[in-house]
Structures are given as structure tokens and as C-alpha cells.
Amino acid sequence: MNTAEDENRGRRARLFLWFLLGATIILSPIGLFATSPAWGEWGGEELKDSLGFVPEGLDRLSTLWKAPLSEYGVPGVDANVGYVLSALIGVILVVAVTWLLGKALARRQENG
């Protein structure tokens, strides 16, 4: 296989991954219609209500990390505006990390 075909395949793969990221970003607000917490976002109270207990590890480690934008809000801003700002900050961070990781991997492939 020649370099042009490899480059074309790589370009299509990158385009597909960016498309998936964009689709995920666009579809994420659908979660606003959910009537229960998102999968994996349960706190101790939700687990206690559902399971009847809080797993020991979760209870012990629950104070280890505090989210910078807790409850998807921005302090001092209206809740709805804060939710949108929180989402935009998250999208910017995900896109930036994805782009930087892609650049690093491409540079590594060129050098290696």
C-alpha cells in the first residue's frame, strides 16, 4: 500500500472520529429529558435509595474529589445559563484534549 492511500485512510478515520465526537456533543442534551440520574452519576443517597446501602469503597472515597462545576452549574450564574456554560467548557476541554492527543500521536508516528 502506498503513502497516499495510507494518508487517505488516516484522513477518513480522523473525520469519522470528529464526526462521532460532534454527534455526541449534539445528542448530549437529550439527557436533560431523563427522569432519573445519568448512569454512573449516582451519589450515596441515590445508591442508598436504590440498593438499600452505600458500598463501603464509595462511601470512603466519596470526598476524595470535588467537581469544579458541581451539579453542572457555574457559581453566581443563573442555573440554566450555568448548565450551558458548564457544557461549553466541557466540550472545549474534550475537543482540546482530543486535538492535542491526535497531534502528539501523529508526531510520534512521523518520528517512529
PDB file of N, CA and C in Angstrom:
ATOM      1  N   MET A   1       0.850  -1.179   0.000  1.00  0.00           N
ATOM      2  CA  MET A   1       0.000   0.000   0.000  1.00  0.00           C
ATOM      3  C   MET A   1       0.898   1.245   0.000  1.00  0.00           C
ATOM      4  N   ASN A   2       0.515   2.265  -0.748  1.00  0.00           N
ATOM      5  CA  ASN A   2       1.372   3.440  -0.825  1.00  0.00           C
ATOM      6  C   ASN A   2       0.988   4.496   0.202  1.00  0.00           C
ATOM      7  N   THR A   3       1.805   5.512   0.286  1.00  0.00           N
ATOM      8  CA  THR A   3       1.629   6.563   1.281  1.00  0.00           C
ATOM      9  C   THR A   3       0.344   7.349   1.057  1.00  0.00           C
ATOM     10  N   ALA A   4      -0.025   7.594  -0.191  1.00  0.00           N
ATOM     11  CA  ALA A   4      -1.245   8.349  -0.477  1.00  0.00           C
ATOM     12  C   ALA A   4      -2.481   7.611   0.039  1.00  0.00           C
ATOM     13  N   GLU A   5      -2.503   6.293  -0.137  1.00  0.00           N
ATOM     14  CA  GLU A   5      -3.640   5.509   0.361  1.00  0.00           C
ATOM     15  C   GLU A   5      -3.670   5.520   1.886  1.00  0.00           C
ATOM     16  N   ASP A   6      -2.507   5.390   2.522  1.00  0.00           N
ATOM     17  CA  ASP A   6      -2.431   5.440   3.980  1.00  0.00           C
ATOM     18  C   ASP A   6      -2.902   6.789   4.507  1.00  0.00           C
ATOM     19  N   GLU A   7      -2.473   7.843   3.833  1.00  0.00           N
ATOM     20  CA  GLU A   7      -2.864   9.191   4.245  1.00  0.00           C
ATOM     21  C   GLU A   7      -4.369   9.384   4.087  1.00  0.00           C
ATOM     22  N   ASN A   8      -4.922   8.887   2.987  1.00  0.00           N
ATOM     23  CA  ASN A   8      -6.360   8.989   2.748  1.00  0.00           C
ATOM     24  C   ASN A   8      -7.140   8.216   3.807  1.00  0.00           C
ATOM     25  N   ARG A   9      -6.676   7.024   4.139  1.00  0.00           N
ATOM     26  CA  ARG A   9      -7.335   6.213   5.161  1.00  0.00           C
ATOM     27  C   ARG A   9      -7.276   6.910   6.527  1.00  0.00           C
ATOM     28  N   GLY A  10      -6.121   7.496   6.842  1.00  0.00           N
ATOM     29  CA  GLY A  10      -5.969   8.226   8.100  1.00  0.00           C
ATOM     30  C   GLY A  10      -6.881   9.437   8.166  1.00  0.00           C
ATOM     31  N   ARG A  11      -7.002  10.129   7.032  1.00  0.00           N
ATOM     32  CA  ARG A  11      -7.879  11.308   6.973  1.00  0.00           C
ATOM     33  C   ARG A  11      -9.338  10.898   7.191  1.00  0.00           C
ATOM     34  N   ARG A  12      -9.751   9.794   6.561  1.00  0.00           N
ATOM     35  CA  ARG A  12     -11.129   9.306   6.742  1.00  0.00           C
ATOM     36  C   ARG A  12     -11.373   8.883   8.189  1.00  0.00           C
ATOM     37  N   ALA A  13     -10.395   8.232   8.796  1.00  0.00           N
ATOM     38  CA  ALA A  13     -10.547   7.801  10.187  1.00  0.00           C
ATOM     39  C   ALA A  13     -10.675   9.008  11.111  1.00  0.00           C
ATOM     40  N   ARG A  14      -9.850  10.034  10.897  1.00  0.00           N
ATOM     41  CA  ARG A  14      -9.938  11.249  11.721  1.00  0.00           C
ATOM     42  C   ARG A  14     -11.283  11.937  11.527  1.00  0.00           C
ATOM     43  N   LEU A  15     -11.727  12.028  10.292  1.00  0.00           N
ATOM     44  CA  LEU A  15     -13.012  12.655  10.007  1.00  0.00           C
ATOM     45  C   LEU A  15     -14.140  11.899  10.706  1.00  0.00           C
ATOM     46  N   PHE A  16     -14.088  10.572  10.657  1.00  0.00           N
ATOM     47  CA  PHE A  16     -15.102   9.756  11.312  1.00  0.00           C
ATOM     48  C   PHE A  16     -15.091   9.981  12.822  1.00  0.00           C
ATOM     49  N   LEU A  17     -13.909  10.049  13.429  1.00  0.00           N
ATOM     50  CA  LEU A  17     -13.817  10.269  14.876  1.00  0.00           C
ATOM     51  C   LEU A  17     -14.329  11.654  15.262  1.00  0.00           C
ATOM     52  N   TRP A  18     -14.002  12.669  14.467  1.00  0.00           N
ATOM     53  CA  TRP A  18     -14.523  14.009  14.744  1.00  0.00           C
ATOM     54  C   TRP A  18     -16.041  14.040  14.571  1.00  0.00           C
ATOM     55  N   PHE A  19     -16.545  13.297  13.585  1.00  0.00           N
ATOM     56  CA  PHE A  19     -17.996  13.196  13.402  1.00  0.00           C
ATOM     57  C   PHE A  19     -18.639  12.574  14.639  1.00  0.00           C
ATOM     58  N   LEU A  20     -18.053  11.489  15.150  1.00  0.00           N
ATOM     59  CA  LEU A  20     -18.597  10.847  16.351  1.00  0.00           C
ATOM     60  C   LEU A  20     -18.578  11.798  17.544  1.00  0.00           C
ATOM     61  N   LEU A  21     -17.495  12.531  17.706  1.00  0.00           N
ATOM     62  CA  LEU A  21     -17.406  13.493  18.798  1.00  0.00           C
ATOM     63  C   LEU A  21     -18.480  14.567  18.645  1.00  0.00           C
ATOM     64  N   GLY A  22     -18.647  15.077  17.436  1.00  0.00           N
ATOM     65  CA  GLY A  22     -19.684  16.091  17.189  1.00  0.00           C
ATOM     66  C   GLY A  22     -21.080  15.555  17.445  1.00  0.00           C
ATOM     67  N   ALA A  23     -21.347  14.325  16.998  1.00  0.00           N
ATOM     68  CA  ALA A  23     -22.661  13.722  17.235  1.00  0.00           C
ATOM     69  C   ALA A  23     -22.922  13.551  18.728  1.00  0.00           C
ATOM     70  N   THR A  24     -21.900  13.151  19.457  1.00  0.00           N
ATOM     71  CA  THR A  24     -22.045  13.001  20.907  1.00  0.00           C
ATOM     72  C   THR A  24     -22.360  14.341  21.553  1.00  0.00           C
ATOM     73  N   ILE A  25     -21.672  15.384  21.119  1.00  0.00           N
ATOM     74  CA  ILE A  25     -21.916  16.720  21.661  1.00  0.00           C
ATOM     75  C   ILE A  25     -23.345  17.169  21.355  1.00  0.00           C
ATOM     76  N   ILE A  26     -23.790  16.952  20.136  1.00  0.00           N
ATOM     77  CA  ILE A  26     -25.126  17.385  19.731  1.00  0.00           C
ATOM     78  C   ILE A  26     -26.215  16.597  20.457  1.00  0.00           C
ATOM     79  N   LEU A  27     -25.986  15.295  20.660  1.00  0.00           N
ATOM     80  CA  LEU A  27     -27.005  14.449  21.283  1.00  0.00           C
ATOM     81  C   LEU A  27     -27.009  14.517  22.808  1.00  0.00           C
ATOM     82  N   SER A  28     -25.970  15.046  23.408  1.00  0.00           N
ATOM     83  CA  SER A  28     -25.879  15.075  24.869  1.00  0.00           C
ATOM     84  C   SER A  28     -27.052  15.755  25.567  1.00  0.00           C
ATOM     85  N   PRO A  29     -27.579  16.854  25.055  1.00  0.00           N
ATOM     86  CA  PRO A  29     -28.698  17.495  25.757  1.00  0.00           C
ATOM     87  C   PRO A  29     -29.947  16.623  25.887  1.00  0.00           C
ATOM     88  N   ILE A  30     -30.014  15.517  25.158  1.00  0.00           N
ATOM     89  CA  ILE A  30     -31.155  14.617  25.309  1.00  0.00           C
ATOM     90  C   ILE A  30     -31.258  14.150  26.752  1.00  0.00           C
ATOM     91  N   GLY A  31     -30.127  14.080  27.433  1.00  0.00           N
ATOM     92  CA  GLY A  31     -30.105  13.679  28.829  1.00  0.00           C
ATOM     93  C   GLY A  31     -30.913  14.596  29.735  1.00  0.00           C
ATOM     94  N   LEU A  32     -31.176  15.807  29.283  1.00  0.00           N
ATOM     95  CA  LEU A  32     -31.994  16.723  30.094  1.00  0.00           C
ATOM     96  C   LEU A  32     -33.415  16.207  30.285  1.00  0.00           C
ATOM     97  N   PHE A  33     -33.853  15.337  29.384  1.00  0.00           N
ATOM     98  CA  PHE A  33     -35.205  14.805  29.477  1.00  0.00           C
ATOM     99  C   PHE A  33     -35.296  13.586  30.387  1.00  0.00           C
ATOM    100  N   ALA A  34     -34.153  13.114  30.872  1.00  0.00           N
ATOM    101  CA  ALA A  34     -34.144  11.931  31.735  1.00  0.00           C
ATOM    102  C   ALA A  34     -34.824  12.254  33.061  1.00  0.00           C
ATOM    103  N   THR A  35     -35.539  11.286  33.580  1.00  0.00           N
ATOM    104  CA  THR A  35     -36.237  11.494  34.854  1.00  0.00           C
ATOM    105  C   THR A  35     -35.435  10.974  36.045  1.00  0.00           C
ATOM    106  N   SER A  36     -34.347  10.276  35.778  1.00  0.00           N
ATOM    107  CA  SER A  36     -33.505   9.775  36.856  1.00  0.00           C
ATOM    108  C   SER A  36     -32.059  10.168  36.569  1.00  0.00           C
ATOM    109  N   PRO A  37     -31.185  10.023  37.547  1.00  0.00           N
ATOM    110  CA  PRO A  37     -29.783  10.408  37.318  1.00  0.00           C
ATOM    111  C   PRO A  37     -29.160   9.610  36.177  1.00  0.00           C
ATOM    112  N   ALA A  38     -28.199  10.237  35.518  1.00  0.00           N
ATOM    113  CA  ALA A  38     -27.479   9.571  34.430  1.00  0.00           C
ATOM    114  C   ALA A  38     -26.704   8.384  34.977  1.00  0.00           C
ATOM    115  N   TRP A  39     -26.476   7.387  34.125  1.00  0.00           N
ATOM    116  CA  TRP A  39     -25.765   6.190  34.544  1.00  0.00           C
ATOM    117  C   TRP A  39     -24.393   6.574  35.072  1.00  0.00           C
ATOM    118  N   GLY A  40     -24.075   6.112  36.246  1.00  0.00           N
ATOM    119  CA  GLY A  40     -22.771   6.356  36.844  1.00  0.00           C
ATOM    120  C   GLY A  40     -22.663   7.655  37.615  1.00  0.00           C
ATOM    121  N   GLU A  41     -23.703   8.451  37.639  1.00  0.00           N
ATOM    122  CA  GLU A  41     -23.670   9.715  38.363  1.00  0.00           C
ATOM    123  C   GLU A  41     -24.417   9.632  39.685  1.00  0.00           C
ATOM    124  N   TRP A  42     -24.558   8.448  40.195  1.00  0.00           N
ATOM    125  CA  TRP A  42     -25.283   8.286  41.435  1.00  0.00           C
ATOM    126  C   TRP A  42     -24.422   8.712  42.603  1.00  0.00           C
ATOM    127  N   GLY A  43     -25.021   9.435  43.500  1.00  0.00           N
ATOM    128  CA  GLY A  43     -24.356   9.764  44.750  1.00  0.00           C
ATOM    129  C   GLY A  43     -24.750   8.734  45.788  1.00  0.00           C
ATOM    130  N   GLY A  44     -24.231   8.901  46.978  1.00  0.00           N
ATOM    131  CA  GLY A  44     -24.535   7.974  48.067  1.00  0.00           C
ATOM    132  C   GLY A  44     -26.022   7.864  48.348  1.00  0.00           C
ATOM    133  N   GLU A  45     -26.717   8.984  48.286  1.00  0.00           N
ATOM    134  CA  GLU A  45     -28.164   8.970  48.578  1.00  0.00           C
ATOM    135  C   GLU A  45     -28.944   8.164  47.551  1.00  0.00           C
ATOM    136  N   GLU A  46     -28.627   8.357  46.263  1.00  0.00           N
ATOM    137  CA  GLU A  46     -29.331   7.596  45.216  1.00  0.00           C
ATOM    138  C   GLU A  46     -29.060   6.101  45.355  1.00  0.00           C
ATOM    139  N   LEU A  47     -27.817   5.756  45.653  1.00  0.00           N
ATOM    140  CA  LEU A  47     -27.495   4.336  45.824  1.00  0.00           C
ATOM    141  C   LEU A  47     -28.184   3.746  47.045  1.00  0.00           C
ATOM    142  N   LYS A  48     -28.232   4.524  48.101  1.00  0.00           N
ATOM    143  CA  LYS A  48     -28.897   4.032  49.313  1.00  0.00           C
ATOM    144  C   LYS A  48     -30.383   3.812  49.043  1.00  0.00           C
ATOM    145  N   ASP A  49     -30.989   4.722  48.296  1.00  0.00           N
ATOM    146  CA  ASP A  49     -32.408   4.558  47.948  1.00  0.00           C
ATOM    147  C   ASP A  49     -32.625   3.347  47.046  1.00  0.00           C
ATOM    148  N   SER A  50     -31.714   3.125  46.090  1.00  0.00           N
ATOM    149  CA  SER A  50     -31.870   2.026  45.137  1.00  0.00           C
ATOM    150  C   SER A  50     -31.459   0.672  45.702  1.00  0.00           C
ATOM    151  N   LEU A  51     -30.299   0.647  46.366  1.00  0.00           N
ATOM    152  CA  LEU A  51     -29.735  -0.618  46.833  1.00  0.00           C
ATOM    153  C   LEU A  51     -30.024  -0.927  48.295  1.00  0.00           C
ATOM    154  N   GLY A  52     -30.324   0.117  49.046  1.00  0.00           N
ATOM    155  CA  GLY A  52     -30.535  -0.074  50.480  1.00  0.00           C
ATOM    156  C   GLY A  52     -29.258   0.129  51.286  1.00  0.00           C
ATOM    157  N   PHE A  53     -28.135   0.354  50.609  1.00  0.00           N
ATOM    158  CA  PHE A  53     -26.854   0.617  51.289  1.00  0.00           C
ATOM    159  C   PHE A  53     -25.935   1.365  50.339  1.00  0.00           C
ATOM    160  N   VAL A  54     -24.874   1.916  50.903  1.00  0.00           N
ATOM    161  CA  VAL A  54     -23.844   2.572  50.099  1.00  0.00           C
ATOM    162  C   VAL A  54     -22.603   1.695  50.167  1.00  0.00           C
ATOM    163  N   PRO A  55     -22.053   1.261  49.021  1.00  0.00           N
ATOM    164  CA  PRO A  55     -20.850   0.440  49.047  1.00  0.00           C
ATOM    165  C   PRO A  55     -19.737   1.121  49.851  1.00  0.00           C
ATOM    166  N   GLU A  56     -19.016   0.327  50.616  1.00  0.00           N
ATOM    167  CA  GLU A  56     -18.001   0.852  51.533  1.00  0.00           C
ATOM    168  C   GLU A  56     -16.950   1.694  50.819  1.00  0.00           C
ATOM    169  N   GLY A  57     -16.474   1.215  49.675  1.00  0.00           N
ATOM    170  CA  GLY A  57     -15.449   1.952  48.931  1.00  0.00           C
ATOM    171  C   GLY A  57     -15.950   3.303  48.460  1.00  0.00           C
ATOM    172  N   LEU A  58     -17.175   3.348  47.968  1.00  0.00           N
ATOM    173  CA  LEU A  58     -17.747   4.605  47.517  1.00  0.00           C
ATOM    174  C   LEU A  58     -17.907   5.560  48.684  1.00  0.00           C
ATOM    175  N   ASP A  59     -18.382   5.057  49.793  1.00  0.00           N
ATOM    176  CA  ASP A  59     -18.579   5.895  50.972  1.00  0.00           C
ATOM    177  C   ASP A  59     -17.237   6.448  51.452  1.00  0.00           C
ATOM    178  N   ARG A  60     -16.211   5.608  51.452  1.00  0.00           N
ATOM    179  CA  ARG A  60     -14.889   6.005  51.931  1.00  0.00           C
ATOM    180  C   ARG A  60     -14.235   7.017  50.994  1.00  0.00           C
ATOM    181  N   LEU A  61     -14.404   6.833  49.686  1.00  0.00           N
ATOM    182  CA  LEU A  61     -13.719   7.688  48.710  1.00  0.00           C
ATOM    183  C   LEU A  61     -14.569   8.838  48.187  1.00  0.00           C
ATOM    184  N   SER A  62     -15.780   8.978  48.668  1.00  0.00           N
ATOM    185  CA  SER A  62     -16.699   9.974  48.113  1.00  0.00           C
ATOM    186  C   SER A  62     -16.233  11.403  48.302  1.00  0.00           C
ATOM    187  N   THR A  63     -15.387  11.657  49.269  1.00  0.00           N
ATOM    188  CA  THR A  63     -14.910  13.024  49.484  1.00  0.00           C
ATOM    189  C   THR A  63     -13.550  13.272  48.837  1.00  0.00           C
ATOM    190  N   LEU A  64     -13.025  12.305  48.120  1.00  0.00           N
ATOM    191  CA  LEU A  64     -11.708  12.429  47.509  1.00  0.00           C
ATOM    192  C   LEU A  64     -11.680  13.494  46.418  1.00  0.00           C
ATOM    193  N   TRP A  65     -12.749  13.623  45.641  1.00  0.00           N
ATOM    194  CA  TRP A  65     -12.784  14.536  44.500  1.00  0.00           C
ATOM    195  C   TRP A  65     -14.038  15.383  44.560  1.00  0.00           C
ATOM    196  N   LYS A  66     -13.865  16.665  44.390  1.00  0.00           N
ATOM    197  CA  LYS A  66     -14.999  17.583  44.280  1.00  0.00           C
ATOM    198  C   LYS A  66     -14.977  18.181  42.878  1.00  0.00           C
ATOM    199  N   ALA A  67     -16.061  18.032  42.159  1.00  0.00           N
ATOM    200  CA  ALA A  67     -16.137  18.532  40.785  1.00  0.00           C
ATOM    201  C   ALA A  67     -16.020  20.051  40.764  1.00  0.00           C
ATOM    202  N   PRO A  68     -15.246  20.591  39.832  1.00  0.00           N
ATOM    203  CA  PRO A  68     -15.111  22.054  39.757  1.00  0.00           C
ATOM    204  C   PRO A  68     -16.422  22.743  39.380  1.00  0.00           C
ATOM    205  N   LEU A  69     -17.263  22.084  38.607  1.00  0.00           N
ATOM    206  CA  LEU A  69     -18.567  22.636  38.234  1.00  0.00           C
ATOM    207  C   LEU A  69     -19.645  21.685  38.742  1.00  0.00           C
ATOM    208  N   SER A  70     -19.742  21.576  40.034  1.00  0.00           N
ATOM    209  CA  SER A  70     -20.673  20.666  40.676  1.00  0.00           C
ATOM    210  C   SER A  70     -22.106  20.901  40.208  1.00  0.00           C
ATOM    211  N   GLU A  71     -22.812  19.806  39.982  1.00  0.00           N
ATOM    212  CA  GLU A  71     -24.217  19.856  39.527  1.00  0.00           C
ATOM    213  C   GLU A  71     -24.357  20.601  38.199  1.00  0.00           C
ATOM    214  N   TYR A  72     -23.296  20.632  37.399  1.00  0.00           N
ATOM    215  CA  TYR A  72     -23.295  21.281  36.087  1.00  0.00           C
ATOM    216  C   TYR A  72     -23.633  22.755  36.169  1.00  0.00           C
ATOM    217  N   GLY A  73     -23.233  23.401  37.231  1.00  0.00           N
ATOM    218  CA  GLY A  73     -23.535  24.811  37.398  1.00  0.00           C
ATOM    219  C   GLY A  73     -22.280  25.645  37.513  1.00  0.00           C
ATOM    220  N   VAL A  74     -22.422  26.923  37.252  1.00  0.00           N
ATOM    221  CA  VAL A  74     -21.342  27.881  37.415  1.00  0.00           C
ATOM    222  C   VAL A  74     -21.758  28.814  38.541  1.00  0.00           C
ATOM    223  N   PRO A  75     -20.942  28.917  39.585  1.00  0.00           N
ATOM    224  CA  PRO A  75     -21.314  29.753  40.735  1.00  0.00           C
ATOM    225  C   PRO A  75     -21.605  31.192  40.321  1.00  0.00           C
ATOM    226  N   GLY A  76     -22.683  31.738  40.880  1.00  0.00           N
ATOM    227  CA  GLY A  76     -23.045  33.118  40.628  1.00  0.00           C
ATOM    228  C   GLY A  76     -23.775  33.366  39.328  1.00  0.00           C
ATOM    229  N   VAL A  77     -24.152  32.298  38.630  1.00  0.00           N
ATOM    230  CA  VAL A  77     -24.837  32.441  37.339  1.00  0.00           C
ATOM    231  C   VAL A  77     -26.160  31.685  37.411  1.00  0.00           C
ATOM    232  N   ASP A  78     -27.170  32.179  36.695  1.00  0.00           N
ATOM    233  CA  ASP A  78     -28.463  31.504  36.609  1.00  0.00           C
ATOM    234  C   ASP A  78     -28.256  30.023  36.286  1.00  0.00           C
ATOM    235  N   ALA A  79     -29.067  29.153  36.868  1.00  0.00           N
ATOM    236  CA  ALA A  79     -28.889  27.705  36.730  1.00  0.00           C
ATOM    237  C   ALA A  79     -28.878  27.255  35.266  1.00  0.00           C
ATOM    238  N   ASN A  80     -29.793  27.774  34.447  1.00  0.00           N
ATOM    239  CA  ASN A  80     -29.844  27.358  33.038  1.00  0.00           C
ATOM    240  C   ASN A  80     -28.628  27.851  32.261  1.00  0.00           C
ATOM    241  N   VAL A  81     -28.243  29.083  32.494  1.00  0.00           N
ATOM    242  CA  VAL A  81     -27.055  29.633  31.833  1.00  0.00           C
ATOM    243  C   VAL A  81     -25.816  28.890  32.322  1.00  0.00           C
ATOM    244  N   GLY A  82     -25.770  28.587  33.612  1.00  0.00           N
ATOM    245  CA  GLY A  82     -24.650  27.838  34.169  1.00  0.00           C
ATOM    246  C   GLY A  82     -24.537  26.455  33.563  1.00  0.00           C
ATOM    247  N   TYR A  83     -25.671  25.819  33.319  1.00  0.00           N
ATOM    248  CA  TYR A  83     -25.668  24.487  32.707  1.00  0.00           C
ATOM    249  C   TYR A  83     -25.060  24.548  31.308  1.00  0.00           C
ATOM    250  N   VAL A  84     -25.468  25.549  30.541  1.00  0.00           N
ATOM    251  CA  VAL A  84     -24.944  25.708  29.180  1.00  0.00           C
ATOM    252  C   VAL A  84     -23.450  26.043  29.217  1.00  0.00           C
ATOM    253  N   LEU A  85     -23.043  26.935  30.120  1.00  0.00           N
ATOM    254  CA  LEU A  85     -21.624  27.271  30.244  1.00  0.00           C
ATOM    255  C   LEU A  85     -20.805  26.053  30.656  1.00  0.00           C
ATOM    256  N   SER A  86     -21.343  25.275  31.577  1.00  0.00           N
ATOM    257  CA  SER A  86     -20.679  24.049  32.006  1.00  0.00           C
ATOM    258  C   SER A  86     -20.488  23.102  30.822  1.00  0.00           C
ATOM    259  N   ALA A  87     -21.521  22.969  30.007  1.00  0.00           N
ATOM    260  CA  ALA A  87     -21.445  22.106  28.824  1.00  0.00           C
ATOM    261  C   ALA A  87     -20.407  22.631  27.835  1.00  0.00           C
ATOM    262  N   LEU A  88     -20.404  23.937  27.595  1.00  0.00           N
ATOM    263  CA  LEU A  88     -19.438  24.523  26.660  1.00  0.00           C
ATOM    264  C   LEU A  88     -18.009  24.330  27.147  1.00  0.00           C
ATOM    265  N   ILE A  89     -17.788  24.521  28.435  1.00  0.00           N
ATOM    266  CA  ILE A  89     -16.456  24.312  28.993  1.00  0.00           C
ATOM    267  C   ILE A  89     -16.048  22.854  28.810  1.00  0.00           C
ATOM    268  N   GLY A  90     -16.962  21.932  29.079  1.00  0.00           N
ATOM    269  CA  GLY A  90     -16.670  20.509  28.891  1.00  0.00           C
ATOM    270  C   GLY A  90     -16.351  20.172  27.447  1.00  0.00           C
ATOM    271  N   VAL A  91     -17.127  20.710  26.522  1.00  0.00           N
ATOM    272  CA  VAL A  91     -16.898  20.453  25.088  1.00  0.00           C
ATOM    273  C   VAL A  91     -15.540  21.003  24.666  1.00  0.00           C
ATOM    274  N   ILE A  92     -15.227  22.205  25.096  1.00  0.00           N
ATOM    275  CA  ILE A  92     -13.940  22.811  24.742  1.00  0.00           C
ATOM    276  C   ILE A  92     -12.792  21.959  25.276  1.00  0.00           C
ATOM    277  N   LEU A  93     -12.918  21.484  26.520  1.00  0.00           N
ATOM    278  CA  LEU A  93     -11.866  20.645  27.098  1.00  0.00           C
ATOM    279  C   LEU A  93     -11.720  19.322  26.347  1.00  0.00           C
ATOM    280  N   VAL A  94     -12.833  18.690  26.017  1.00  0.00           N
ATOM    281  CA  VAL A  94     -12.772  17.404  25.304  1.00  0.00           C
ATOM    282  C   VAL A  94     -12.168  17.590  23.913  1.00  0.00           C
ATOM    283  N   VAL A  95     -12.594  18.614  23.205  1.00  0.00           N
ATOM    284  CA  VAL A  95     -12.052  18.863  21.858  1.00  0.00           C
ATOM    285  C   VAL A  95     -10.563  19.194  21.943  1.00  0.00           C
ATOM    286  N   ALA A  96     -10.171  20.021  22.915  1.00  0.00           N
ATOM    287  CA  ALA A  96      -8.758  20.388  23.050  1.00  0.00           C
ATOM    288  C   ALA A  96      -7.893  19.167  23.367  1.00  0.00           C
ATOM    289  N   VAL A  97      -8.342  18.345  24.302  1.00  0.00           N
ATOM    290  CA  VAL A  97      -7.574  17.149  24.652  1.00  0.00           C
ATOM    291  C   VAL A  97      -7.507  16.196  23.462  1.00  0.00           C
ATOM    292  N   THR A  98      -8.620  16.026  22.757  1.00  0.00           N
ATOM    293  CA  THR A  98      -8.648  15.152  21.585  1.00  0.00           C
ATOM    294  C   THR A  98      -7.694  15.657  20.513  1.00  0.00           C
ATOM    295  N   TRP A  99      -7.721  16.936  20.254  1.00  0.00           N
ATOM    296  CA  TRP A  99      -6.852  17.526  19.243  1.00  0.00           C
ATOM    297  C   TRP A  99      -5.388  17.386  19.629  1.00  0.00           C
ATOM    298  N   LEU A 100      -5.062  17.718  20.892  1.00  0.00           N
ATOM    299  CA  LEU A 100      -3.676  17.618  21.351  1.00  0.00           C
ATOM    300  C   LEU A 100      -3.172  16.174  21.324  1.00  0.00           C
ATOM    301  N   LEU A 101      -4.021  15.249  21.736  1.00  0.00           N
ATOM    302  CA  LEU A 101      -3.646  13.840  21.699  1.00  0.00           C
ATOM    303  C   LEU A 101      -3.412  13.377  20.259  1.00  0.00           C
ATOM    304  N   GLY A 102      -4.277  13.805  19.355  1.00  0.00           N
ATOM    305  CA  GLY A 102      -4.107  13.469  17.939  1.00  0.00           C
ATOM    306  C   GLY A 102      -2.808  14.022  17.387  1.00  0.00           C
ATOM    307  N   LYS A 103      -2.486  15.273  17.722  1.00  0.00           N
ATOM    308  CA  LYS A 103      -1.233  15.882  17.273  1.00  0.00           C
ATOM    309  C   LYS A 103      -0.036  15.111  17.820  1.00  0.00           C
ATOM    310  N   ALA A 104      -0.090  14.764  19.100  1.00  0.00           N
ATOM    311  CA  ALA A 104       1.025  14.031  19.717  1.00  0.00           C
ATOM    312  C   ALA A 104       1.202  12.660  19.077  1.00  0.00           C
ATOM    313  N   LEU A 105       0.099  11.967  18.826  1.00  0.00           N
ATOM    314  CA  LEU A 105       0.190  10.649  18.203  1.00  0.00           C
ATOM    315  C   LEU A 105       0.694  10.739  16.771  1.00  0.00           C
ATOM    316  N   ALA A 106       0.256  11.759  16.041  1.00  0.00           N
ATOM    317  CA  ALA A 106       0.726  11.942  14.663  1.00  0.00           C
ATOM    318  C   ALA A 106       2.221  12.242  14.651  1.00  0.00           C
ATOM    319  N   ARG A 107       2.677  13.079  15.555  1.00  0.00           N
ATOM    320  CA  ARG A 107       4.103  13.414  15.637  1.00  0.00           C
ATOM    321  C   ARG A 107       4.912  12.171  16.000  1.00  0.00           C
ATOM    322  N   ARG A 108       4.358  11.382  16.907  1.00  0.00           N
ATOM    323  CA  ARG A 108       5.049  10.144  17.311  1.00  0.00           C
ATOM    324  C   ARG A 108       5.155   9.169  16.132  1.00  0.00           C
ATOM    325  N   GLN A 109       4.078   9.086  15.345  1.00  0.00           N
ATOM    326  CA  GLN A 109       4.090   8.193  14.197  1.00  0.00           C
ATOM    327  C   GLN A 109       5.087   8.668  13.134  1.00  0.00           C
ATOM    328  N   GLU A 110       5.169   9.978  12.939  1.00  0.00           N
ATOM    329  CA  GLU A 110       6.116  10.527  11.959  1.00  0.00           C
ATOM    330  C   GLU A 110       7.559  10.270  12.380  1.00  0.00           C
ATOM    331  N   ASN A 111       7.825  10.343  13.672  1.00  0.00           N
ATOM    332  CA  ASN A 111       9.185  10.171  14.179  1.00  0.00           C
ATOM    333  C   ASN A 111       9.545   8.705  14.412  1.00  0.00           C
ATOM    334  N   GLY A 112       8.550   7.856  14.561  1.00  0.00           N
ATOM    335  CA  GLY A 112       8.836   6.495  14.948  1.00  0.00           C
ATOM    336  C   GLY A 112       8.675   5.537  13.857  1.00  0.00           C
TER     337      GLY A 112
END
